Amino acid sequence: MTGFKRTTAAALAALLLTIAACSALPGGGGNDPVSAANAAMAAAESGGFGKLTEFACAAQKDDIASAFGSSDMSQLTSLGIDPNELFNSMKIDFQDMSVTPVSVSGSDATVHMKGKIAVTVDPAVARNLVKKILEAQNITATDEMIDAALSQMSGSFSQTNDIDEDVKMVQENGKWVICS
Protein backbone atom coordinates (compact mmCIF):
# COMPACT_ATOMS: atom_id res chain seq x y z
CA MET A 1 0.00 0.00 0.00
CA THR A 2 2.97 2.35 0.37
CA GLY A 3 3.30 2.74 -3.40
CA PHE A 4 -0.43 3.40 -3.64
CA LYS A 5 -0.17 6.11 -0.95
CA ARG A 6 2.72 7.78 -2.79
CA THR A 7 0.84 7.59 -6.08
CA THR A 8 -2.34 9.12 -4.67
CA ALA A 9 -0.51 11.87 -2.78
CA ALA A 10 1.60 12.82 -5.81
CA ALA A 11 -1.41 12.64 -8.10
CA LEU A 12 -3.45 14.88 -5.81
CA ALA A 13 -0.75 17.52 -5.61
CA ALA A 14 -0.25 17.51 -9.37
CA LEU A 15 -3.98 17.47 -10.03
CA LEU A 16 -4.65 20.52 -7.93
CA LEU A 17 -1.76 22.47 -9.42
CA THR A 18 -2.73 21.44 -12.93
CA ILE A 19 -6.39 22.25 -12.50
CA ALA A 20 -5.55 25.58 -10.94
CA ALA A 21 -3.51 26.41 -14.02
CA CYS A 22 -5.59 24.64 -16.61
CA SER A 23 -9.07 25.37 -15.40
CA ALA A 24 -9.02 28.46 -17.56
CA LEU A 25 -8.86 26.39 -20.67
CA PRO A 26 -11.38 27.35 -23.32
CA GLY A 27 -13.30 24.99 -25.44
CA GLY A 28 -16.11 26.79 -27.05
CA GLY A 29 -18.77 29.28 -26.15
CA GLY A 30 -17.67 32.77 -27.11
CA ASN A 31 -14.51 33.70 -28.88
CA ASP A 32 -12.87 35.66 -26.11
CA PRO A 33 -10.58 34.47 -23.30
CA VAL A 34 -13.11 34.97 -20.47
CA SER A 35 -15.89 33.06 -22.26
CA ALA A 36 -13.40 30.35 -23.15
CA ALA A 37 -12.25 30.02 -19.53
CA ASN A 38 -15.84 29.72 -18.32
CA ALA A 39 -16.59 27.11 -20.98
CA ALA A 40 -13.52 25.14 -19.92
CA MET A 41 -14.63 25.09 -16.29
CA ALA A 42 -18.06 23.84 -17.34
CA ALA A 43 -16.45 21.11 -19.44
CA ALA A 44 -14.16 20.04 -16.59
CA GLU A 45 -17.11 19.90 -14.18
CA SER A 46 -19.20 17.78 -16.52
CA GLY A 47 -16.42 15.70 -18.05
CA GLY A 48 -13.81 15.56 -15.32
CA PHE A 49 -10.07 15.94 -15.37
CA GLY A 50 -9.67 14.22 -18.75
CA LYS A 51 -11.52 17.06 -20.47
CA LEU A 52 -8.73 19.51 -19.66
CA THR A 53 -6.47 18.17 -22.41
CA GLU A 54 -9.05 19.28 -24.96
CA PHE A 55 -8.45 22.87 -23.94
CA ALA A 56 -4.64 23.02 -23.86
CA CYS A 57 -2.48 24.62 -26.53
CA ALA A 58 -0.58 22.24 -28.78
CA ALA A 59 2.68 22.87 -26.91
CA GLN A 60 1.10 21.96 -23.54
CA LYS A 61 -1.31 19.09 -24.35
CA ASP A 62 0.94 16.38 -22.96
CA ASP A 63 1.84 18.39 -19.87
CA ILE A 64 -1.62 18.04 -18.33
CA ALA A 65 -1.47 14.26 -18.10
CA SER A 66 2.26 14.24 -17.31
CA ALA A 67 1.73 16.66 -14.43
CA PHE A 68 0.96 13.57 -12.40
CA GLY A 69 4.59 12.57 -12.90
CA SER A 70 5.67 9.98 -15.38
CA SER A 71 6.87 7.62 -12.66
CA ASP A 72 3.54 7.72 -10.83
CA MET A 73 1.49 7.12 -13.98
CA SER A 74 3.92 4.48 -15.19
CA GLN A 75 3.48 2.75 -11.84
CA LEU A 76 -0.25 2.46 -12.51
CA THR A 77 0.36 1.47 -16.12
CA SER A 78 2.83 -1.22 -15.06
CA LEU A 79 0.07 -2.71 -12.93
CA GLY A 80 -2.19 -2.84 -15.99
CA ILE A 81 -4.28 0.12 -14.78
CA ASP A 82 -5.31 2.84 -17.22
CA PRO A 83 -4.48 6.21 -15.57
CA ASN A 84 -7.77 7.53 -16.94
CA GLU A 85 -9.49 5.29 -14.39
CA LEU A 86 -7.94 7.44 -11.67
CA PHE A 87 -9.04 10.62 -13.43
CA ASN A 88 -12.55 9.23 -13.93
CA SER A 89 -12.90 8.51 -10.22
CA MET A 90 -12.63 12.24 -9.42
CA LYS A 91 -15.24 14.96 -9.71
CA ILE A 92 -14.33 18.62 -10.11
CA ASP A 93 -16.55 21.42 -8.78
CA PHE A 94 -15.66 25.09 -9.24
CA GLN A 95 -17.16 27.33 -6.57
CA ASP A 96 -17.66 31.10 -6.55
CA MET A 97 -15.39 31.45 -9.57
CA SER A 98 -14.76 34.74 -11.29
CA VAL A 99 -12.77 35.10 -14.48
CA THR A 100 -11.64 38.59 -15.42
CA PRO A 101 -9.57 39.80 -18.35
CA VAL A 102 -6.08 41.06 -17.52
CA SER A 103 -4.72 41.72 -21.00
CA VAL A 104 -5.29 40.86 -24.66
CA SER A 105 -2.78 41.52 -27.40
CA GLY A 106 -3.41 39.85 -30.75
CA SER A 107 -3.44 36.10 -30.18
CA ASP A 108 -2.10 36.30 -26.61
CA ALA A 109 -4.18 36.97 -23.52
CA THR A 110 -4.11 36.70 -19.76
CA VAL A 111 -7.15 36.11 -17.56
CA HIS A 112 -7.32 36.15 -13.79
CA MET A 113 -9.19 33.35 -12.06
CA LYS A 114 -10.37 33.52 -8.48
CA GLY A 115 -12.55 31.13 -6.52
CA LYS A 116 -12.41 27.61 -5.19
CA ILE A 117 -12.10 24.15 -6.65
CA ALA A 118 -13.45 21.10 -4.90
CA VAL A 119 -12.19 17.68 -5.91
CA THR A 120 -14.09 14.67 -4.64
CA VAL A 121 -13.85 10.94 -5.23
CA ASP A 122 -16.73 8.91 -6.66
CA PRO A 123 -16.80 5.97 -4.23
CA ALA A 124 -18.28 3.47 -6.69
CA VAL A 125 -15.71 4.17 -9.41
CA ALA A 126 -12.84 4.42 -6.92
CA ARG A 127 -13.83 1.14 -5.22
CA ASN A 128 -13.37 -0.75 -8.46
CA LEU A 129 -10.06 1.02 -9.11
CA VAL A 130 -8.69 0.24 -5.64
CA LYS A 131 -9.66 -3.41 -6.02
CA LYS A 132 -7.86 -3.59 -9.38
CA ILE A 133 -4.73 -1.94 -7.94
CA LEU A 134 -4.59 -4.34 -4.98
CA GLU A 135 -5.20 -7.39 -7.13
CA ALA A 136 -2.57 -6.24 -9.64
CA GLN A 137 -0.09 -6.37 -6.74
CA ASN A 138 -1.18 -9.95 -5.95
CA ILE A 139 -2.98 -8.82 -2.81
CA THR A 140 -6.30 -10.46 -2.03
CA ALA A 141 -8.64 -7.47 -1.95
CA THR A 142 -10.94 -7.93 1.04
CA ASP A 143 -13.81 -5.51 1.64
CA GLU A 144 -12.01 -4.20 4.74
CA MET A 145 -8.85 -3.46 2.75
CA ILE A 146 -10.79 -1.78 -0.02
CA ASP A 147 -12.78 0.29 2.48
CA ALA A 148 -9.57 1.39 4.24
CA ALA A 149 -7.92 2.33 0.94
CA LEU A 150 -11.06 4.17 -0.18
CA SER A 151 -11.13 6.10 3.06
CA GLN A 152 -7.51 7.11 2.58
CA MET A 153 -8.09 7.97 -1.09
CA SER A 154 -11.17 10.04 -0.29
CA GLY A 155 -9.30 11.84 2.47
CA SER A 156 -6.35 12.57 0.17
CA PHE A 157 -8.31 13.62 -2.88
CA SER A 158 -11.46 15.17 -1.43
CA GLN A 159 -10.34 18.71 -0.77
CA THR A 160 -11.29 22.27 -1.57
CA ASN A 161 -8.51 24.64 -2.60
CA ASP A 162 -8.38 28.32 -3.46
CA ILE A 163 -7.55 29.51 -6.96
CA ASP A 164 -6.22 33.06 -7.35
CA GLU A 165 -3.92 33.38 -10.32
CA ASP A 166 -3.28 34.73 -13.78
CA VAL A 167 -3.50 32.23 -16.63
CA LYS A 168 -1.87 32.75 -20.03
CA MET A 169 -4.00 31.92 -23.05
CA VAL A 170 -3.30 31.91 -26.77
CA GLN A 171 -5.49 31.70 -29.81
CA GLU A 172 -4.97 28.56 -31.91
CA ASN A 173 -7.14 27.60 -34.87
CA GLY A 174 -9.58 30.36 -33.94
CA LYS A 175 -10.02 29.17 -30.32
CA TRP A 176 -8.57 30.48 -27.09
CA VAL A 177 -6.56 27.82 -25.22
CA ILE A 178 -4.31 27.76 -22.15
CA CYS A 179 -0.60 27.87 -22.74
CA SER A 180 1.18 28.67 -19.46
C-alpha atoms as a PDB file:
ATOM      1  CA  MET A   1       0.000   0.000   0.000  1.00  0.00           C
ATOM      2  CA  THR A   2       2.972   2.355   0.374  1.00  0.00           C
ATOM      3  CA  GLY A   3       3.297   2.738  -3.404  1.00  0.00           C
ATOM      4  CA  PHE A   4      -0.426   3.402  -3.645  1.00  0.00           C
ATOM      5  CA  LYS A   5      -0.173   6.115  -0.951  1.00  0.00           C
ATOM      6  CA  ARG A   6       2.721   7.781  -2.793  1.00  0.00           C
ATOM      7  CA  THR A   7       0.845   7.595  -6.084  1.00  0.00           C
ATOM      8  CA  THR A   8      -2.337   9.117  -4.673  1.00  0.00           C
ATOM      9  CA  ALA A   9      -0.508  11.866  -2.784  1.00  0.00           C
ATOM     10  CA  ALA A  10       1.604  12.819  -5.813  1.00  0.00           C
ATOM     11  CA  ALA A  11      -1.405  12.635  -8.097  1.00  0.00           C
ATOM     12  CA  LEU A  12      -3.454  14.884  -5.813  1.00  0.00           C
ATOM     13  CA  ALA A  13      -0.752  17.516  -5.615  1.00  0.00           C
ATOM     14  CA  ALA A  14      -0.249  17.508  -9.365  1.00  0.00           C
ATOM     15  CA  LEU A  15      -3.981  17.467 -10.035  1.00  0.00           C
ATOM     16  CA  LEU A  16      -4.650  20.520  -7.927  1.00  0.00           C
ATOM     17  CA  LEU A  17      -1.761  22.465  -9.419  1.00  0.00           C
ATOM     18  CA  THR A  18      -2.732  21.443 -12.930  1.00  0.00           C
ATOM     19  CA  ILE A  19      -6.387  22.246 -12.498  1.00  0.00           C
ATOM     20  CA  ALA A  20      -5.551  25.580 -10.940  1.00  0.00           C
ATOM     21  CA  ALA A  21      -3.507  26.412 -14.016  1.00  0.00           C
ATOM     22  CA  CYS A  22      -5.592  24.639 -16.615  1.00  0.00           C
ATOM     23  CA  SER A  23      -9.074  25.373 -15.397  1.00  0.00           C
ATOM     24  CA  ALA A  24      -9.019  28.462 -17.563  1.00  0.00           C
ATOM     25  CA  LEU A  25      -8.859  26.389 -20.670  1.00  0.00           C
ATOM     26  CA  PRO A  26     -11.385  27.350 -23.317  1.00  0.00           C
ATOM     27  CA  GLY A  27     -13.298  24.988 -25.443  1.00  0.00           C
ATOM     28  CA  GLY A  28     -16.109  26.789 -27.047  1.00  0.00           C
ATOM     29  CA  GLY A  29     -18.768  29.282 -26.149  1.00  0.00           C
ATOM     30  CA  GLY A  30     -17.670  32.766 -27.106  1.00  0.00           C
ATOM     31  CA  ASN A  31     -14.513  33.700 -28.880  1.00  0.00           C
ATOM     32  CA  ASP A  32     -12.867  35.665 -26.106  1.00  0.00           C
ATOM     33  CA  PRO A  33     -10.577  34.466 -23.302  1.00  0.00           C
ATOM     34  CA  VAL A  34     -13.109  34.968 -20.470  1.00  0.00           C
ATOM     35  CA  SER A  35     -15.887  33.055 -22.262  1.00  0.00           C
ATOM     36  CA  ALA A  36     -13.403  30.348 -23.150  1.00  0.00           C
ATOM     37  CA  ALA A  37     -12.255  30.021 -19.535  1.00  0.00           C
ATOM     38  CA  ASN A  38     -15.838  29.719 -18.320  1.00  0.00           C
ATOM     39  CA  ALA A  39     -16.586  27.113 -20.983  1.00  0.00           C
ATOM     40  CA  ALA A  40     -13.521  25.145 -19.916  1.00  0.00           C
ATOM     41  CA  MET A  41     -14.629  25.085 -16.287  1.00  0.00           C
ATOM     42  CA  ALA A  42     -18.059  23.841 -17.340  1.00  0.00           C
ATOM     43  CA  ALA A  43     -16.452  21.111 -19.445  1.00  0.00           C
ATOM     44  CA  ALA A  44     -14.164  20.037 -16.592  1.00  0.00           C
ATOM     45  CA  GLU A  45     -17.112  19.903 -14.179  1.00  0.00           C
ATOM     46  CA  SER A  46     -19.198  17.775 -16.515  1.00  0.00           C
ATOM     47  CA  GLY A  47     -16.423  15.698 -18.049  1.00  0.00           C
ATOM     48  CA  GLY A  48     -13.805  15.559 -15.322  1.00  0.00           C
ATOM     49  CA  PHE A  49     -10.065  15.940 -15.367  1.00  0.00           C
ATOM     50  CA  GLY A  50      -9.673  14.225 -18.745  1.00  0.00           C
ATOM     51  CA  LYS A  51     -11.524  17.062 -20.467  1.00  0.00           C
ATOM     52  CA  LEU A  52      -8.728  19.506 -19.659  1.00  0.00           C
ATOM     53  CA  THR A  53      -6.470  18.167 -22.405  1.00  0.00           C
ATOM     54  CA  GLU A  54      -9.049  19.276 -24.962  1.00  0.00           C
ATOM     55  CA  PHE A  55      -8.446  22.872 -23.936  1.00  0.00           C
ATOM     56  CA  ALA A  56      -4.641  23.017 -23.864  1.00  0.00           C
ATOM     57  CA  CYS A  57      -2.480  24.623 -26.532  1.00  0.00           C
ATOM     58  CA  ALA A  58      -0.576  22.239 -28.784  1.00  0.00           C
ATOM     59  CA  ALA A  59       2.676  22.870 -26.908  1.00  0.00           C
ATOM     60  CA  GLN A  60       1.104  21.956 -23.543  1.00  0.00           C
ATOM     61  CA  LYS A  61      -1.312  19.089 -24.351  1.00  0.00           C
ATOM     62  CA  ASP A  62       0.944  16.378 -22.960  1.00  0.00           C
ATOM     63  CA  ASP A  63       1.837  18.393 -19.869  1.00  0.00           C
ATOM     64  CA  ILE A  64      -1.621  18.043 -18.326  1.00  0.00           C
ATOM     65  CA  ALA A  65      -1.470  14.261 -18.105  1.00  0.00           C
ATOM     66  CA  SER A  66       2.256  14.235 -17.313  1.00  0.00           C
ATOM     67  CA  ALA A  67       1.728  16.658 -14.435  1.00  0.00           C
ATOM     68  CA  PHE A  68       0.958  13.566 -12.398  1.00  0.00           C
ATOM     69  CA  GLY A  69       4.594  12.574 -12.897  1.00  0.00           C
ATOM     70  CA  SER A  70       5.675   9.981 -15.384  1.00  0.00           C
ATOM     71  CA  SER A  71       6.872   7.620 -12.665  1.00  0.00           C
ATOM     72  CA  ASP A  72       3.543   7.723 -10.832  1.00  0.00           C
ATOM     73  CA  MET A  73       1.495   7.124 -13.976  1.00  0.00           C
ATOM     74  CA  SER A  74       3.925   4.478 -15.192  1.00  0.00           C
ATOM     75  CA  GLN A  75       3.480   2.754 -11.845  1.00  0.00           C
ATOM     76  CA  LEU A  76      -0.254   2.459 -12.512  1.00  0.00           C
ATOM     77  CA  THR A  77       0.363   1.475 -16.116  1.00  0.00           C
ATOM     78  CA  SER A  78       2.835  -1.216 -15.057  1.00  0.00           C
ATOM     79  CA  LEU A  79       0.065  -2.707 -12.929  1.00  0.00           C
ATOM     80  CA  GLY A  80      -2.185  -2.843 -15.987  1.00  0.00           C
ATOM     81  CA  ILE A  81      -4.283   0.119 -14.784  1.00  0.00           C
ATOM     82  CA  ASP A  82      -5.312   2.837 -17.221  1.00  0.00           C
ATOM     83  CA  PRO A  83      -4.482   6.211 -15.569  1.00  0.00           C
ATOM     84  CA  ASN A  84      -7.774   7.527 -16.939  1.00  0.00           C
ATOM     85  CA  GLU A  85      -9.495   5.289 -14.394  1.00  0.00           C
ATOM     86  CA  LEU A  86      -7.940   7.437 -11.665  1.00  0.00           C
ATOM     87  CA  PHE A  87      -9.038  10.621 -13.430  1.00  0.00           C
ATOM     88  CA  ASN A  88     -12.552   9.226 -13.929  1.00  0.00           C
ATOM     89  CA  SER A  89     -12.897   8.509 -10.220  1.00  0.00           C
ATOM     90  CA  MET A  90     -12.629  12.239  -9.421  1.00  0.00           C
ATOM     91  CA  LYS A  91     -15.240  14.964  -9.713  1.00  0.00           C
ATOM     92  CA  ILE A  92     -14.333  18.624 -10.114  1.00  0.00           C
ATOM     93  CA  ASP A  93     -16.550  21.417  -8.784  1.00  0.00           C
ATOM     94  CA  PHE A  94     -15.661  25.085  -9.240  1.00  0.00           C
ATOM     95  CA  GLN A  95     -17.163  27.332  -6.569  1.00  0.00           C
ATOM     96  CA  ASP A  96     -17.657  31.098  -6.554  1.00  0.00           C
ATOM     97  CA  MET A  97     -15.390  31.448  -9.574  1.00  0.00           C
ATOM     98  CA  SER A  98     -14.759  34.736 -11.295  1.00  0.00           C
ATOM     99  CA  VAL A  99     -12.768  35.103 -14.480  1.00  0.00           C
ATOM    100  CA  THR A 100     -11.638  38.593 -15.422  1.00  0.00           C
ATOM    101  CA  PRO A 101      -9.566  39.801 -18.352  1.00  0.00           C
ATOM    102  CA  VAL A 102      -6.080  41.063 -17.523  1.00  0.00           C
ATOM    103  CA  SER A 103      -4.720  41.717 -21.002  1.00  0.00           C
ATOM    104  CA  VAL A 104      -5.292  40.859 -24.659  1.00  0.00           C
ATOM    105  CA  SER A 105      -2.779  41.519 -27.404  1.00  0.00           C
ATOM    106  CA  GLY A 106      -3.409  39.854 -30.750  1.00  0.00           C
ATOM    107  CA  SER A 107      -3.439  36.104 -30.181  1.00  0.00           C
ATOM    108  CA  ASP A 108      -2.098  36.302 -26.607  1.00  0.00           C
ATOM    109  CA  ALA A 109      -4.178  36.973 -23.520  1.00  0.00           C
ATOM    110  CA  THR A 110      -4.109  36.699 -19.756  1.00  0.00           C
ATOM    111  CA  VAL A 111      -7.147  36.110 -17.563  1.00  0.00           C
ATOM    112  CA  HIS A 112      -7.324  36.155 -13.792  1.00  0.00           C
ATOM    113  CA  MET A 113      -9.188  33.354 -12.055  1.00  0.00           C
ATOM    114  CA  LYS A 114     -10.370  33.525  -8.476  1.00  0.00           C
ATOM    115  CA  GLY A 115     -12.552  31.134  -6.521  1.00  0.00           C
ATOM    116  CA  LYS A 116     -12.407  27.611  -5.191  1.00  0.00           C
ATOM    117  CA  ILE A 117     -12.105  24.153  -6.650  1.00  0.00           C
ATOM    118  CA  ALA A 118     -13.446  21.097  -4.896  1.00  0.00           C
ATOM    119  CA  VAL A 119     -12.187  17.685  -5.907  1.00  0.00           C
ATOM    120  CA  THR A 120     -14.095  14.667  -4.640  1.00  0.00           C
ATOM    121  CA  VAL A 121     -13.845  10.944  -5.226  1.00  0.00           C
ATOM    122  CA  ASP A 122     -16.728   8.913  -6.659  1.00  0.00           C
ATOM    123  CA  PRO A 123     -16.800   5.967  -4.226  1.00  0.00           C
ATOM    124  CA  ALA A 124     -18.283   3.471  -6.694  1.00  0.00           C
ATOM    125  CA  VAL A 125     -15.707   4.167  -9.406  1.00  0.00           C
ATOM    126  CA  ALA A 126     -12.838   4.420  -6.916  1.00  0.00           C
ATOM    127  CA  ARG A 127     -13.833   1.140  -5.223  1.00  0.00           C
ATOM    128  CA  ASN A 128     -13.370  -0.752  -8.463  1.00  0.00           C
ATOM    129  CA  LEU A 129     -10.061   1.023  -9.110  1.00  0.00           C
ATOM    130  CA  VAL A 130      -8.692   0.239  -5.635  1.00  0.00           C
ATOM    131  CA  LYS A 131      -9.659  -3.413  -6.020  1.00  0.00           C
ATOM    132  CA  LYS A 132      -7.860  -3.590  -9.376  1.00  0.00           C
ATOM    133  CA  ILE A 133      -4.728  -1.943  -7.938  1.00  0.00           C
ATOM    134  CA  LEU A 134      -4.590  -4.337  -4.983  1.00  0.00           C
ATOM    135  CA  GLU A 135      -5.204  -7.390  -7.134  1.00  0.00           C
ATOM    136  CA  ALA A 136      -2.568  -6.243  -9.638  1.00  0.00           C
ATOM    137  CA  GLN A 137      -0.091  -6.373  -6.736  1.00  0.00           C
ATOM    138  CA  ASN A 138      -1.184  -9.953  -5.951  1.00  0.00           C
ATOM    139  CA  ILE A 139      -2.979  -8.820  -2.807  1.00  0.00           C
ATOM    140  CA  THR A 140      -6.305 -10.457  -2.029  1.00  0.00           C
ATOM    141  CA  ALA A 141      -8.640  -7.472  -1.946  1.00  0.00           C
ATOM    142  CA  THR A 142     -10.944  -7.925   1.044  1.00  0.00           C
ATOM    143  CA  ASP A 143     -13.810  -5.513   1.645  1.00  0.00           C
ATOM    144  CA  GLU A 144     -12.010  -4.198   4.737  1.00  0.00           C
ATOM    145  CA  MET A 145      -8.847  -3.459   2.754  1.00  0.00           C
ATOM    146  CA  ILE A 146     -10.792  -1.784  -0.023  1.00  0.00           C
ATOM    147  CA  ASP A 147     -12.780   0.287   2.478  1.00  0.00           C
ATOM    148  CA  ALA A 148      -9.571   1.393   4.238  1.00  0.00           C
ATOM    149  CA  ALA A 149      -7.918   2.331   0.935  1.00  0.00           C
ATOM    150  CA  LEU A 150     -11.064   4.172  -0.181  1.00  0.00           C
ATOM    151  CA  SER A 151     -11.134   6.100   3.058  1.00  0.00           C
ATOM    152  CA  GLN A 152      -7.513   7.115   2.580  1.00  0.00           C
ATOM    153  CA  MET A 153      -8.089   7.969  -1.086  1.00  0.00           C
ATOM    154  CA  SER A 154     -11.165  10.041  -0.292  1.00  0.00           C
ATOM    155  CA  GLY A 155      -9.298  11.839   2.465  1.00  0.00           C
ATOM    156  CA  SER A 156      -6.350  12.567   0.173  1.00  0.00           C
ATOM    157  CA  PHE A 157      -8.312  13.621  -2.879  1.00  0.00           C
ATOM    158  CA  SER A 158     -11.462  15.174  -1.426  1.00  0.00           C
ATOM    159  CA  GLN A 159     -10.338  18.711  -0.770  1.00  0.00           C
ATOM    160  CA  THR A 160     -11.294  22.273  -1.566  1.00  0.00           C
ATOM    161  CA  ASN A 161      -8.508  24.636  -2.596  1.00  0.00           C
ATOM    162  CA  ASP A 162      -8.383  28.316  -3.463  1.00  0.00           C
ATOM    163  CA  ILE A 163      -7.547  29.514  -6.955  1.00  0.00           C
ATOM    164  CA  ASP A 164      -6.224  33.061  -7.347  1.00  0.00           C
ATOM    165  CA  GLU A 165      -3.922  33.383 -10.320  1.00  0.00           C
ATOM    166  CA  ASP A 166      -3.284  34.729 -13.781  1.00  0.00           C
ATOM    167  CA  VAL A 167      -3.504  32.229 -16.631  1.00  0.00           C
ATOM    168  CA  LYS A 168      -1.871  32.754 -20.033  1.00  0.00           C
ATOM    169  CA  MET A 169      -3.995  31.924 -23.050  1.00  0.00           C
ATOM    170  CA  VAL A 170      -3.298  31.913 -26.771  1.00  0.00           C
ATOM    171  CA  GLN A 171      -5.485  31.701 -29.815  1.00  0.00           C
ATOM    172  CA  GLU A 172      -4.969  28.563 -31.910  1.00  0.00           C
ATOM    173  CA  ASN A 173      -7.141  27.602 -34.869  1.00  0.00           C
ATOM    174  CA  GLY A 174      -9.582  30.355 -33.937  1.00  0.00           C
ATOM    175  CA  LYS A 175     -10.022  29.167 -30.325  1.00  0.00           C
ATOM    176  CA  TRP A 176      -8.569  30.482 -27.091  1.00  0.00           C
ATOM    177  CA  VAL A 177      -6.564  27.824 -25.218  1.00  0.00           C
ATOM    178  CA  ILE A 178      -4.309  27.764 -22.147  1.00  0.00           C
ATOM    179  CA  CYS A 179      -0.598  27.874 -22.737  1.00  0.00           C
ATOM    180  CA  SER A 180       1.182  28.668 -19.457  1.00  0.00           C
END
